[in-house]
Amino acid sequence: FRGRQGPNGRTHLMSPAMAAAAALTGRLTDVRDMLV
């Protein structure tokens, strides 16, 4: 929800594996490509 992680912060929900993939790439990433 708006402001959930801070005023005017923008949140994209995803699984732990997907979040780790986003950390490695710096963007929303399909973790399946990395695991394949």
Full PDB file with SEQRES, HELIX, SHEET, SSBOND, CRYST1, ORIGX, SCALE, CONECT and MASTER records, all heavy atoms in Angstrom:
SEQRES   1 A   36  PHE ARG GLY ARG GLN GLY PRO ASN GLY ARG THR HIS LEU          
SEQRES   2 A   36  MET SER PRO ALA MET ALA ALA ALA ALA ALA LEU THR GLY          
SEQRES   3 A   36  ARG LEU THR ASP VAL ARG ASP MET LEU VAL                      
HELIX    1 AA1 PRO A   16  THR A   25  1                                  10    
HELIX    2 AA2 VAL A   31  LEU A   35  1                                   5    
CRYST1    1.000    1.000    1.000  90.00  90.00  90.00 P 1           1          
ORIGX1      1.000000  0.000000  0.000000        0.00000                         
ORIGX2      0.000000  1.000000  0.000000        0.00000                         
ORIGX3      0.000000  0.000000  1.000000        0.00000                         
SCALE1      1.000000  0.000000  0.000000        0.00000                         
SCALE2      0.000000  1.000000  0.000000        0.00000                         
SCALE3      0.000000  0.000000  1.000000        0.00000                         
ATOM      1  N   PHE A   1       0.826  -1.200   0.000  1.00  0.00           N  
ATOM      2  CA  PHE A   1       0.000   0.000   0.000  1.00  0.00           C  
ATOM      3  C   PHE A   1       0.868   1.261   0.000  1.00  0.00           C  
ATOM      4  O   PHE A   1       2.034   1.233   0.402  1.00  0.00           O  
ATOM      5  CB  PHE A   1      -0.925   0.004   1.213  1.00  0.00           C  
ATOM      6  CG  PHE A   1      -1.805  -1.214   1.301  1.00  0.00           C  
ATOM      7  CD1 PHE A   1      -1.904  -1.936   2.483  1.00  0.00           C  
ATOM      8  CD2 PHE A   1      -2.519  -1.656   0.198  1.00  0.00           C  
ATOM      9  CE1 PHE A   1      -2.716  -3.061   2.563  1.00  0.00           C  
ATOM     10  CE2 PHE A   1      -3.327  -2.772   0.261  1.00  0.00           C  
ATOM     11  CZ  PHE A   1      -3.420  -3.477   1.457  1.00  0.00           C  
ATOM     12  N   ARG A   2       0.287   2.362  -0.419  1.00  0.00           N  
ATOM     13  CA  ARG A   2       1.017   3.630  -0.463  1.00  0.00           C  
ATOM     14  C   ARG A   2       1.605   3.955   0.915  1.00  0.00           C  
ATOM     15  O   ARG A   2       0.910   3.924   1.914  1.00  0.00           O  
ATOM     16  CB  ARG A   2       0.082   4.767  -0.878  1.00  0.00           C  
ATOM     17  CG  ARG A   2      -0.482   4.606  -2.278  1.00  0.00           C  
ATOM     18  CD  ARG A   2      -1.551   5.657  -2.538  1.00  0.00           C  
ATOM     19  NE  ARG A   2      -2.184   5.448  -3.827  1.00  0.00           N  
ATOM     20  CZ  ARG A   2      -2.260   6.375  -4.781  1.00  0.00           C  
ATOM     21  NH1 ARG A   2      -1.752   7.570  -4.586  1.00  0.00           N  
ATOM     22  NH2 ARG A   2      -2.852   6.102  -5.925  1.00  0.00           N  
ATOM     23  N   GLY A   3       2.869   4.270   0.935  1.00  0.00           N  
ATOM     24  CA  GLY A   3       3.516   4.647   2.182  1.00  0.00           C  
ATOM     25  C   GLY A   3       3.860   3.497   3.101  1.00  0.00           C  
ATOM     26  O   GLY A   3       4.378   3.721   4.201  1.00  0.00           O  
ATOM     27  N   ARG A   4       3.588   2.273   2.696  1.00  0.00           N  
ATOM     28  CA  ARG A   4       3.836   1.119   3.561  1.00  0.00           C  
ATOM     29  C   ARG A   4       5.299   1.050   4.007  1.00  0.00           C  
ATOM     30  O   ARG A   4       5.594   0.744   5.154  1.00  0.00           O  
ATOM     31  CB  ARG A   4       3.456  -0.159   2.804  1.00  0.00           C  
ATOM     32  CG  ARG A   4       3.912  -1.456   3.454  1.00  0.00           C  
ATOM     33  CD  ARG A   4       2.983  -1.907   4.537  1.00  0.00           C  
ATOM     34  NE  ARG A   4       3.411  -3.192   5.084  1.00  0.00           N  
ATOM     35  CZ  ARG A   4       2.668  -3.937   5.883  1.00  0.00           C  
ATOM     36  NH1 ARG A   4       1.466  -3.539   6.235  1.00  0.00           N  
ATOM     37  NH2 ARG A   4       3.114  -5.088   6.346  1.00  0.00           N  
ATOM     38  N   GLN A   5       6.226   1.317   3.091  1.00  0.00           N  
ATOM     39  CA  GLN A   5       7.642   1.237   3.425  1.00  0.00           C  
ATOM     40  C   GLN A   5       8.285   2.613   3.595  1.00  0.00           C  
ATOM     41  O   GLN A   5       9.500   2.723   3.622  1.00  0.00           O  
ATOM     42  CB  GLN A   5       8.390   0.446   2.346  1.00  0.00           C  
ATOM     43  CG  GLN A   5       7.997  -1.033   2.305  1.00  0.00           C  
ATOM     44  CD  GLN A   5       8.910  -1.845   1.415  1.00  0.00           C  
ATOM     45  OE1 GLN A   5       8.986  -1.624   0.214  1.00  0.00           O  
ATOM     46  NE2 GLN A   5       9.618  -2.792   2.010  1.00  0.00           N  
ATOM     47  N   GLY A   6       7.459   3.617   3.743  1.00  0.00           N  
ATOM     48  CA  GLY A   6       7.937   4.980   3.903  1.00  0.00           C  
ATOM     49  C   GLY A   6       7.125   5.927   3.035  1.00  0.00           C  
ATOM     50  O   GLY A   6       6.610   5.524   1.985  1.00  0.00           O  
ATOM     51  N   PRO A   7       6.961   7.187   3.438  1.00  0.00           N  
ATOM     52  CA  PRO A   7       6.158   8.150   2.677  1.00  0.00           C  
ATOM     53  C   PRO A   7       6.607   8.241   1.224  1.00  0.00           C  
ATOM     54  O   PRO A   7       7.775   8.502   0.938  1.00  0.00           O  
ATOM     55  CB  PRO A   7       6.401   9.474   3.426  1.00  0.00           C  
ATOM     56  CG  PRO A   7       6.763   9.057   4.814  1.00  0.00           C  
ATOM     57  CD  PRO A   7       7.544   7.790   4.657  1.00  0.00           C  
ATOM     58  N   ASN A   8       5.663   7.950   0.317  1.00  0.00           N  
ATOM     59  CA  ASN A   8       5.908   8.001  -1.123  1.00  0.00           C  
ATOM     60  C   ASN A   8       6.951   6.989  -1.599  1.00  0.00           C  
ATOM     61  O   ASN A   8       7.496   7.124  -2.701  1.00  0.00           O  
ATOM     62  CB  ASN A   8       6.315   9.418  -1.557  1.00  0.00           C  
ATOM     63  CG  ASN A   8       5.195  10.412  -1.337  1.00  0.00           C  
ATOM     64  OD1 ASN A   8       4.052  10.171  -1.711  1.00  0.00           O  
ATOM     65  ND2 ASN A   8       5.514  11.530  -0.692  1.00  0.00           N  
ATOM     66  N   GLY A   9       7.203   5.955  -0.796  1.00  0.00           N  
ATOM     67  CA  GLY A   9       8.064   4.877  -1.234  1.00  0.00           C  
ATOM     68  C   GLY A   9       7.312   3.958  -2.188  1.00  0.00           C  
ATOM     69  O   GLY A   9       6.089   3.825  -2.103  1.00  0.00           O  
ATOM     70  N   ARG A  10       8.019   3.352  -3.105  1.00  0.00           N  
ATOM     71  CA  ARG A  10       7.403   2.511  -4.133  1.00  0.00           C  
ATOM     72  C   ARG A  10       7.816   1.053  -3.922  1.00  0.00           C  
ATOM     73  O   ARG A  10       9.011   0.737  -3.944  1.00  0.00           O  
ATOM     74  CB  ARG A  10       7.829   2.996  -5.525  1.00  0.00           C  
ATOM     75  CG  ARG A  10       7.301   4.394  -5.833  1.00  0.00           C  
ATOM     76  CD  ARG A  10       8.035   5.039  -6.992  1.00  0.00           C  
ATOM     77  NE  ARG A  10       7.419   6.309  -7.381  1.00  0.00           N  
ATOM     78  CZ  ARG A  10       7.977   7.191  -8.188  1.00  0.00           C  
ATOM     79  NH1 ARG A  10       9.183   6.953  -8.700  1.00  0.00           N  
ATOM     80  NH2 ARG A  10       7.354   8.317  -8.489  1.00  0.00           N  
ATOM     81  N   THR A  11       6.841   0.192  -3.745  1.00  0.00           N  
ATOM     82  CA  THR A  11       7.101  -1.200  -3.382  1.00  0.00           C  
ATOM     83  C   THR A  11       6.629  -2.158  -4.464  1.00  0.00           C  
ATOM     84  O   THR A  11       5.494  -2.066  -4.927  1.00  0.00           O  
ATOM     85  CB  THR A  11       6.378  -1.548  -2.061  1.00  0.00           C  
ATOM     86  OG1 THR A  11       6.819  -0.658  -1.035  1.00  0.00           O  
ATOM     87  CG2 THR A  11       6.654  -2.979  -1.661  1.00  0.00           C  
ATOM     88  N   HIS A  12       7.488  -3.088  -4.838  1.00  0.00           N  
ATOM     89  CA  HIS A  12       7.128  -4.185  -5.736  1.00  0.00           C  
ATOM     90  C   HIS A  12       7.265  -5.481  -4.949  1.00  0.00           C  
ATOM     91  O   HIS A  12       8.373  -5.850  -4.540  1.00  0.00           O  
ATOM     92  CB  HIS A  12       8.037  -4.219  -6.965  1.00  0.00           C  
ATOM     93  CG  HIS A  12       7.910  -3.026  -7.856  1.00  0.00           C  
ATOM     94  ND1 HIS A  12       6.924  -2.920  -8.825  1.00  0.00           N  
ATOM     95  CD2 HIS A  12       8.634  -1.878  -7.904  1.00  0.00           C  
ATOM     96  CE1 HIS A  12       7.059  -1.757  -9.451  1.00  0.00           C  
ATOM     97  NE2 HIS A  12       8.086  -1.113  -8.913  1.00  0.00           N  
ATOM     98  N   LEU A  13       6.152  -6.166  -4.712  1.00  0.00           N  
ATOM     99  CA  LEU A  13       6.176  -7.414  -3.960  1.00  0.00           C  
ATOM    100  C   LEU A  13       6.606  -8.573  -4.850  1.00  0.00           C  
ATOM    101  O   LEU A  13       6.240  -8.636  -6.023  1.00  0.00           O  
ATOM    102  CB  LEU A  13       4.794  -7.715  -3.378  1.00  0.00           C  
ATOM    103  CG  LEU A  13       4.183  -6.668  -2.459  1.00  0.00           C  
ATOM    104  CD1 LEU A  13       2.832  -7.164  -1.949  1.00  0.00           C  
ATOM    105  CD2 LEU A  13       5.114  -6.340  -1.305  1.00  0.00           C  
ATOM    106  N   MET A  14       7.341  -9.517  -4.273  1.00  0.00           N  
ATOM    107  CA  MET A  14       7.779 -10.712  -5.007  1.00  0.00           C  
ATOM    108  C   MET A  14       8.303 -11.730  -4.011  1.00  0.00           C  
ATOM    109  O   MET A  14       8.422 -11.455  -2.817  1.00  0.00           O  
ATOM    110  CB  MET A  14       8.850 -10.339  -6.029  1.00  0.00           C  
ATOM    111  CG  MET A  14      10.121  -9.777  -5.437  1.00  0.00           C  
ATOM    112  SD  MET A  14      11.119  -8.906  -6.676  1.00  0.00           S  
ATOM    113  CE  MET A  14      10.108  -7.438  -6.939  1.00  0.00           C  
ATOM    114  N   SER A  15       8.648 -12.917  -4.511  1.00  0.00           N  
ATOM    115  CA  SER A  15       9.148 -13.988  -3.658  1.00  0.00           C  
ATOM    116  C   SER A  15      10.589 -13.712  -3.237  1.00  0.00           C  
ATOM    117  O   SER A  15      11.281 -12.874  -3.837  1.00  0.00           O  
ATOM    118  CB  SER A  15       9.083 -15.315  -4.398  1.00  0.00           C  
ATOM    119  OG  SER A  15      10.081 -15.358  -5.414  1.00  0.00           O  
ATOM    120  N   PRO A  16      11.069 -14.409  -2.206  1.00  0.00           N  
ATOM    121  CA  PRO A  16      12.468 -14.231  -1.790  1.00  0.00           C  
ATOM    122  C   PRO A  16      13.473 -14.499  -2.912  1.00  0.00           C  
ATOM    123  O   PRO A  16      14.448 -13.760  -3.060  1.00  0.00           O  
ATOM    124  CB  PRO A  16      12.615 -15.240  -0.638  1.00  0.00           C  
ATOM    125  CG  PRO A  16      11.237 -15.319  -0.051  1.00  0.00           C  
ATOM    126  CD  PRO A  16      10.322 -15.251  -1.240  1.00  0.00           C  
ATOM    127  N   ALA A  17      13.258 -15.554  -3.695  1.00  0.00           N  
ATOM    128  CA  ALA A  17      14.176 -15.839  -4.795  1.00  0.00           C  
ATOM    129  C   ALA A  17      14.142 -14.722  -5.828  1.00  0.00           C  
ATOM    130  O   ALA A  17      15.185 -14.320  -6.371  1.00  0.00           O  
ATOM    131  CB  ALA A  17      13.813 -17.172  -5.444  1.00  0.00           C  
ATOM    132  N   MET A  18      12.953 -14.194  -6.114  1.00  0.00           N  
ATOM    133  CA  MET A  18      12.826 -13.098  -7.077  1.00  0.00           C  
ATOM    134  C   MET A  18      13.487 -11.828  -6.547  1.00  0.00           C  
ATOM    135  O   MET A  18      14.118 -11.075  -7.309  1.00  0.00           O  
ATOM    136  CB  MET A  18      11.357 -12.846  -7.378  1.00  0.00           C  
ATOM    137  CG  MET A  18      10.707 -13.880  -8.276  1.00  0.00           C  
ATOM    138  SD  MET A  18      11.181 -13.656 -10.004  1.00  0.00           S  
ATOM    139  CE  MET A  18      10.228 -12.164 -10.385  1.00  0.00           C  
ATOM    140  N   ALA A  19      13.364 -11.573  -5.248  1.00  0.00           N  
ATOM    141  CA  ALA A  19      13.990 -10.392  -4.662  1.00  0.00           C  
ATOM    142  C   ALA A  19      15.507 -10.500  -4.742  1.00  0.00           C  
ATOM    143  O   ALA A  19      16.207  -9.524  -5.027  1.00  0.00           O  
ATOM    144  CB  ALA A  19      13.536 -10.220  -3.219  1.00  0.00           C  
ATOM    145  N   ALA A  20      16.028 -11.696  -4.492  1.00  0.00           N  
ATOM    146  CA  ALA A  20      17.476 -11.893  -4.602  1.00  0.00           C  
ATOM    147  C   ALA A  20      17.943 -11.666  -6.030  1.00  0.00           C  
ATOM    148  O   ALA A  20      19.006 -11.075  -6.268  1.00  0.00           O  
ATOM    149  CB  ALA A  20      17.842 -13.295  -4.124  1.00  0.00           C  
ATOM    150  N   ALA A  21      17.149 -12.117  -6.996  1.00  0.00           N  
ATOM    151  CA  ALA A  21      17.490 -11.898  -8.405  1.00  0.00           C  
ATOM    152  C   ALA A  21      17.508 -10.406  -8.725  1.00  0.00           C  
ATOM    153  O   ALA A  21      18.389  -9.921  -9.448  1.00  0.00           O  
ATOM    154  CB  ALA A  21      16.500 -12.631  -9.305  1.00  0.00           C  
ATOM    155  N   ALA A  22      16.541  -9.661  -8.189  1.00  0.00           N  
ATOM    156  CA  ALA A  22      16.495  -8.214  -8.414  1.00  0.00           C  
ATOM    157  C   ALA A  22      17.718  -7.534  -7.814  1.00  0.00           C  
ATOM    158  O   ALA A  22      18.237  -6.557  -8.374  1.00  0.00           O  
ATOM    159  CB  ALA A  22      15.213  -7.635  -7.819  1.00  0.00           C  
ATOM    160  N   ALA A  23      18.196  -8.052  -6.695  1.00  0.00           N  
ATOM    161  CA  ALA A  23      19.389  -7.473  -6.076  1.00  0.00           C  
ATOM    162  C   ALA A  23      20.608  -7.656  -6.978  1.00  0.00           C  
ATOM    163  O   ALA A  23      21.448  -6.758  -7.105  1.00  0.00           O  
ATOM    164  CB  ALA A  23      19.635  -8.114  -4.714  1.00  0.00           C  
ATOM    165  N   LEU A  24      20.704  -8.811  -7.619  1.00  0.00           N  
ATOM    166  CA  LEU A  24      21.869  -9.099  -8.465  1.00  0.00           C  
ATOM    167  C   LEU A  24      21.839  -8.349  -9.793  1.00  0.00           C  
ATOM    168  O   LEU A  24      22.891  -8.082 -10.381  1.00  0.00           O  
ATOM    169  CB  LEU A  24      21.961 -10.603  -8.744  1.00  0.00           C  
ATOM    170  CG  LEU A  24      22.133 -11.538  -7.545  1.00  0.00           C  
ATOM    171  CD1 LEU A  24      22.407 -12.956  -8.020  1.00  0.00           C  
ATOM    172  CD2 LEU A  24      23.237 -11.062  -6.619  1.00  0.00           C  
ATOM    173  N   THR A  25      20.647  -7.999 -10.263  1.00  0.00           N  
ATOM    174  CA  THR A  25      20.528  -7.341 -11.568  1.00  0.00           C  
ATOM    175  C   THR A  25      20.182  -5.863 -11.476  1.00  0.00           C  
ATOM    176  O   THR A  25      20.354  -5.118 -12.447  1.00  0.00           O  
ATOM    177  CB  THR A  25      19.449  -8.034 -12.420  1.00  0.00           C  
ATOM    178  OG1 THR A  25      18.182  -7.917 -11.757  1.00  0.00           O  
ATOM    179  CG2 THR A  25      19.780  -9.508 -12.615  1.00  0.00           C  
ATOM    180  N   GLY A  26      19.635  -5.443 -10.342  1.00  0.00           N  
ATOM    181  CA  GLY A  26      19.230  -4.055 -10.184  1.00  0.00           C  
ATOM    182  C   GLY A  26      17.897  -3.732 -10.818  1.00  0.00           C  
ATOM    183  O   GLY A  26      17.524  -2.562 -10.934  1.00  0.00           O  
ATOM    184  N   ARG A  27      17.136  -4.770 -11.191  1.00  0.00           N  
ATOM    185  CA  ARG A  27      15.825  -4.542 -11.795  1.00  0.00           C  
ATOM    186  C   ARG A  27      14.946  -5.767 -11.576  1.00  0.00           C  
ATOM    187  O   ARG A  27      15.422  -6.820 -11.132  1.00  0.00           O  
ATOM    188  CB  ARG A  27      15.950  -4.256 -13.291  1.00  0.00           C  
ATOM    189  CG  ARG A  27      16.576  -5.380 -14.111  1.00  0.00           C  
ATOM    190  CD  ARG A  27      16.740  -4.975 -15.574  1.00  0.00           C  
ATOM    191  NE  ARG A  27      17.549  -3.777 -15.707  1.00  0.00           N  
ATOM    192  CZ  ARG A  27      17.067  -2.583 -16.057  1.00  0.00           C  
ATOM    193  NH1 ARG A  27      15.759  -2.451 -16.336  1.00  0.00           N  
ATOM    194  NH2 ARG A  27      17.854  -1.547 -16.168  1.00  0.00           N  
ATOM    195  N   LEU A  28      13.658  -5.649 -11.884  1.00  0.00           N  
ATOM    196  CA  LEU A  28      12.776  -6.801 -11.780  1.00  0.00           C  
ATOM    197  C   LEU A  28      13.240  -7.838 -12.788  1.00  0.00           C  
ATOM    198  O   LEU A  28      13.427  -7.533 -13.968  1.00  0.00           O  
ATOM    199  CB  LEU A  28      11.325  -6.398 -12.052  1.00  0.00           C  
ATOM    200  CG  LEU A  28      10.730  -5.291 -11.162  1.00  0.00           C  
ATOM    201  CD1 LEU A  28       9.238  -5.157 -11.420  1.00  0.00           C  
ATOM    202  CD2 LEU A  28      11.002  -5.544  -9.693  1.00  0.00           C  
ATOM    203  N   THR A  29      13.428  -9.052 -12.331  1.00  0.00           N  
ATOM    204  CA  THR A  29      14.067 -10.088 -13.145  1.00  0.00           C  
ATOM    205  C   THR A  29      13.354 -11.413 -12.967  1.00  0.00           C  
ATOM    206  O   THR A  29      12.947 -11.774 -11.858  1.00  0.00           O  
ATOM    207  CB  THR A  29      15.545 -10.253 -12.723  1.00  0.00           C  
ATOM    208  OG1 THR A  29      16.221  -9.009 -12.915  1.00  0.00           O  
ATOM    209  CG2 THR A  29      16.238 -11.336 -13.521  1.00  0.00           C  
ATOM    210  N   ASP A  30      13.210 -12.151 -14.051  1.00  0.00           N  
ATOM    211  CA  ASP A  30      12.650 -13.499 -13.985  1.00  0.00           C  
ATOM    212  C   ASP A  30      13.744 -14.435 -13.471  1.00  0.00           C  
ATOM    213  O   ASP A  30      14.690 -14.757 -14.191  1.00  0.00           O  
ATOM    214  CB  ASP A  30      12.174 -13.946 -15.368  1.00  0.00           C  
ATOM    215  CG  ASP A  30      11.369 -15.242 -15.327  1.00  0.00           C  
ATOM    216  OD1 ASP A  30      11.492 -15.993 -14.331  1.00  0.00           O  
ATOM    217  OD2 ASP A  30      10.610 -15.499 -16.279  1.00  0.00           O  
ATOM    218  N   VAL A  31      13.620 -14.850 -12.224  1.00  0.00           N  
ATOM    219  CA  VAL A  31      14.659 -15.661 -11.599  1.00  0.00           C  
ATOM    220  C   VAL A  31      14.859 -16.986 -12.317  1.00  0.00           C  
ATOM    221  O   VAL A  31      15.941 -17.581 -12.256  1.00  0.00           O  
ATOM    222  CB  VAL A  31      14.337 -15.891 -10.115  1.00  0.00           C  
ATOM    223  CG1 VAL A  31      13.119 -16.811  -9.949  1.00  0.00           C  
ATOM    224  CG2 VAL A  31      15.532 -16.469  -9.373  1.00  0.00           C  
ATOM    225  N   ARG A  32      13.861 -17.439 -13.042  1.00  0.00           N  
ATOM    226  CA  ARG A  32      13.995 -18.716 -13.752  1.00  0.00           C  
ATOM    227  C   ARG A  32      15.119 -18.667 -14.776  1.00  0.00           C  
ATOM    228  O   ARG A  32      15.815 -19.665 -14.992  1.00  0.00           O  
ATOM    229  CB  ARG A  32      12.665 -19.075 -14.423  1.00  0.00           C  
ATOM    230  CG  ARG A  32      11.523 -19.327 -13.457  1.00  0.00           C  
ATOM    231  CD  ARG A  32      10.224 -19.557 -14.194  1.00  0.00           C  
ATOM    232  NE  ARG A  32       9.857 -18.404 -15.006  1.00  0.00           N  
ATOM    233  CZ  ARG A  32       8.783 -18.349 -15.790  1.00  0.00           C  
ATOM    234  NH1 ARG A  32       7.980 -19.404 -15.866  1.00  0.00           N  
ATOM    235  NH2 ARG A  32       8.511 -17.266 -16.496  1.00  0.00           N  
ATOM    236  N   ASP A  33      15.311 -17.517 -15.404  1.00  0.00           N  
ATOM    237  CA  ASP A  33      16.387 -17.391 -16.387  1.00  0.00           C  
ATOM    238  C   ASP A  33      17.750 -17.565 -15.728  1.00  0.00           C  
ATOM    239  O   ASP A  33      18.656 -18.193 -16.292  1.00  0.00           O  
ATOM    240  CB  ASP A  33      16.319 -16.021 -17.068  1.00  0.00           C  
ATOM    241  CG  ASP A  33      15.047 -15.837 -17.884  1.00  0.00           C  
ATOM    242  OD1 ASP A  33      14.463 -16.864 -18.295  1.00  0.00           O  
ATOM    243  OD2 ASP A  33      14.650 -14.684 -18.103  1.00  0.00           O  
ATOM    244  N   MET A  34      17.911 -17.034 -14.531  1.00  0.00           N  
ATOM    245  CA  MET A  34      19.178 -17.144 -13.822  1.00  0.00           C  
ATOM    246  C   MET A  34      19.429 -18.577 -13.375  1.00  0.00           C  
ATOM    247  O   MET A  34      20.549 -19.087 -13.465  1.00  0.00           O  
ATOM    248  CB  MET A  34      19.183 -16.205 -12.614  1.00  0.00           C  
ATOM    249  CG  MET A  34      18.963 -14.752 -12.964  1.00  0.00           C  
ATOM    250  SD  MET A  34      18.950 -13.680 -11.514  1.00  0.00           S  
ATOM    251  CE  MET A  34      20.680 -13.730 -11.070  1.00  0.00           C  
ATOM    252  N   LEU A  35      18.373 -19.248 -12.912  1.00  0.00           N  
ATOM    253  CA  LEU A  35      18.530 -20.613 -12.429  1.00  0.00           C  
ATOM    254  C   LEU A  35      18.771 -21.578 -13.579  1.00  0.00           C  
ATOM    255  O   LEU A  35      19.540 -22.535 -13.440  1.00  0.00           O  
ATOM    256  CB  LEU A  35      17.300 -21.025 -11.623  1.00  0.00           C  
ATOM    257  CG  LEU A  35      17.082 -20.228 -10.330  1.00  0.00           C  
ATOM    258  CD1 LEU A  35      15.788 -20.660  -9.656  1.00  0.00           C  
ATOM    259  CD2 LEU A  35      18.255 -20.405  -9.382  1.00  0.00           C  
ATOM    260  N   VAL A  36      18.132 -21.340 -14.724  1.00  0.00           N  
ATOM    261  CA  VAL A  36      18.367 -22.192 -15.892  1.00  0.00           C  
ATOM    262  C   VAL A  36      19.820 -22.093 -16.323  1.00  0.00           C  
ATOM    263  O   VAL A  36      20.488 -23.083 -16.622  1.00  0.00           O  
ATOM    264  CB  VAL A  36      17.428 -21.791 -17.053  1.00  0.00           C  
ATOM    265  CG1 VAL A  36      17.904 -22.425 -18.352  1.00  0.00           C  
ATOM    266  CG2 VAL A  36      16.004 -22.232 -16.750  1.00  0.00           C  
TER     267      VAL A  36                                                      
MASTER        0    0    0    2    0    0    0    6  266    1    0    3          
END                                                                             
